[in-house]
Amino acid sequence: MEFSTSLKLNHIFRRLYHSGNQAANRYLALYCRRNRTPGNRVGITAGKKLGKAVVRNRVRRRLREIYRIHEGRFKPGHDLVVVARTAAVDASFAQLQEAYLALAARLGVLREDTP
């Protein structure tokens, strides 16, 4: 992730859950909020409901890769938290990618000038 950093602090996650904009679909829930930095901060959550550690880590790796591939399409200056839902475990990479970008577009964090 060239232009972004990871979110690691619990109080920032909680702030996003309570006061951020949110959108959800079958596979993911996305929370976003403006921050006062020139770059984005991204956090990924995969709860124990998804399965054992191997399964959760696979879902996290896929979501991290989707963001990395499309990082240039995101507007800078946002905190993003992606929460994986149980359907994300059985979803293909293409389905997760489509779901992720659809949620980002719904929340208005994608740039209009990029395809």
Protein backbone atom coordinates (compact mmCIF):
# COMPACT_ATOMS: atom_id res chain seq x y z
CA MET A 1 0.00 0.00 0.00
CA GLU A 2 1.93 2.92 -1.35
CA PHE A 3 -0.25 5.85 -0.27
CA SER A 4 -1.94 4.31 2.76
CA THR A 5 -1.16 3.08 6.23
CA SER A 6 -2.80 0.46 8.43
CA LEU A 7 -5.25 1.23 11.17
CA LYS A 8 -4.24 -0.53 14.35
CA LEU A 9 -5.63 1.50 17.25
CA ASN A 10 -8.84 0.27 18.82
CA HIS A 11 -10.20 3.75 19.59
CA ILE A 12 -10.03 4.70 15.89
CA PHE A 13 -11.95 1.55 14.94
CA ARG A 14 -14.60 2.35 17.55
CA ARG A 15 -14.83 5.98 16.37
CA LEU A 16 -15.49 4.77 12.83
CA TYR A 17 -18.12 2.27 13.97
CA HIS A 18 -20.02 4.92 15.92
CA SER A 19 -19.64 8.09 13.87
CA GLY A 20 -18.50 7.05 10.41
CA ASN A 21 -20.55 6.57 7.27
CA GLN A 22 -21.39 2.97 6.62
CA ALA A 23 -22.59 0.71 3.86
CA ALA A 24 -22.98 -3.06 3.75
CA ASN A 25 -23.79 -5.87 1.39
CA ARG A 26 -23.80 -9.66 1.56
CA TYR A 27 -20.01 -10.03 1.82
CA LEU A 28 -18.69 -6.90 3.53
CA ALA A 29 -19.48 -3.88 5.65
CA LEU A 30 -17.48 -0.71 4.99
CA TYR A 31 -17.10 2.20 7.39
CA CYS A 32 -15.44 5.45 6.35
CA ARG A 33 -14.74 8.85 7.79
CA ARG A 34 -12.62 11.81 6.72
CA ASN A 35 -9.30 12.19 8.49
CA ARG A 36 -6.95 15.14 8.56
CA THR A 37 -4.06 13.44 6.80
CA PRO A 38 -3.09 13.44 3.12
CA GLY A 39 -3.36 9.64 2.89
CA ASN A 40 -5.82 6.92 3.72
CA ARG A 41 -5.71 4.64 6.73
CA VAL A 42 -7.18 1.17 6.22
CA GLY A 43 -8.25 -1.43 8.76
CA ILE A 44 -9.61 -4.93 8.11
CA THR A 45 -11.68 -6.91 10.59
CA ALA A 46 -12.47 -10.61 10.37
CA GLY A 47 -14.22 -11.98 13.44
CA LYS A 48 -14.08 -15.49 14.83
CA LYS A 49 -17.48 -16.16 13.32
CA LEU A 50 -15.74 -16.60 9.96
CA GLY A 51 -13.78 -19.64 11.05
CA LYS A 52 -10.37 -20.59 12.28
CA ALA A 53 -7.28 -18.40 11.92
CA VAL A 54 -6.32 -19.80 8.52
CA VAL A 55 -9.70 -18.85 7.07
CA ARG A 56 -9.74 -15.40 8.67
CA ASN A 57 -6.23 -14.63 7.46
CA ARG A 58 -7.10 -15.71 3.91
CA VAL A 59 -10.06 -13.32 3.86
CA ARG A 60 -7.89 -10.51 5.25
CA ARG A 61 -5.19 -11.12 2.64
CA ARG A 62 -7.75 -10.98 -0.15
CA LEU A 63 -9.25 -7.73 1.12
CA ARG A 64 -5.81 -6.18 1.56
CA GLU A 65 -4.89 -7.16 -2.01
CA ILE A 66 -8.12 -5.71 -3.42
CA TYR A 67 -7.35 -2.40 -1.75
CA ARG A 68 -3.72 -2.51 -2.94
CA ILE A 69 -4.73 -3.11 -6.56
CA HIS A 70 -7.29 -0.29 -6.57
CA GLU A 71 -5.53 2.10 -4.18
CA GLY A 72 -5.21 4.82 -6.82
CA ARG A 73 -8.98 4.91 -7.29
CA PHE A 74 -9.66 5.91 -3.67
CA LYS A 75 -9.87 9.57 -2.70
CA PRO A 76 -7.15 10.49 -0.19
CA GLY A 77 -7.84 11.60 3.36
CA HIS A 78 -10.16 8.86 4.63
CA ASP A 79 -10.13 6.26 7.37
CA LEU A 80 -11.61 2.99 6.10
CA VAL A 81 -12.57 -0.13 8.02
CA VAL A 82 -13.69 -3.23 6.14
CA VAL A 83 -15.58 -5.86 8.11
CA ALA A 84 -15.78 -9.30 6.51
CA ARG A 85 -19.09 -11.13 6.83
CA THR A 86 -19.51 -14.90 6.88
CA ALA A 87 -20.42 -15.06 3.16
CA ALA A 88 -16.96 -13.63 2.34
CA VAL A 89 -15.35 -16.96 3.25
CA ASP A 90 -16.93 -18.79 0.30
CA ALA A 91 -16.84 -15.84 -2.12
CA SER A 92 -14.47 -15.74 -5.05
CA PHE A 93 -11.87 -13.00 -5.37
CA ALA A 94 -13.93 -11.38 -8.16
CA GLN A 95 -17.07 -11.32 -6.00
CA LEU A 96 -15.20 -9.76 -3.09
CA GLN A 97 -13.61 -7.18 -5.39
CA GLU A 98 -16.97 -6.22 -6.88
CA ALA A 99 -18.54 -5.97 -3.42
CA TYR A 100 -15.67 -3.86 -2.05
CA LEU A 101 -15.70 -1.38 -4.93
CA ALA A 102 -19.49 -1.13 -4.92
CA LEU A 103 -19.49 -0.19 -1.24
CA ALA A 104 -16.69 2.33 -1.75
CA ALA A 105 -18.62 3.91 -4.62
CA ARG A 106 -21.80 4.04 -2.53
CA LEU A 107 -19.95 5.90 0.23
CA GLY A 108 -18.34 8.28 -2.25
CA VAL A 109 -14.70 7.44 -1.54
CA LEU A 110 -13.85 6.48 -5.13
CA ARG A 111 -12.58 9.10 -7.56
CA GLU A 112 -14.85 9.90 -10.47
CA ASP A 113 -12.00 10.47 -12.94
CA THR A 114 -10.75 6.86 -12.86
CA PRO A 115 -12.60 3.98 -14.58
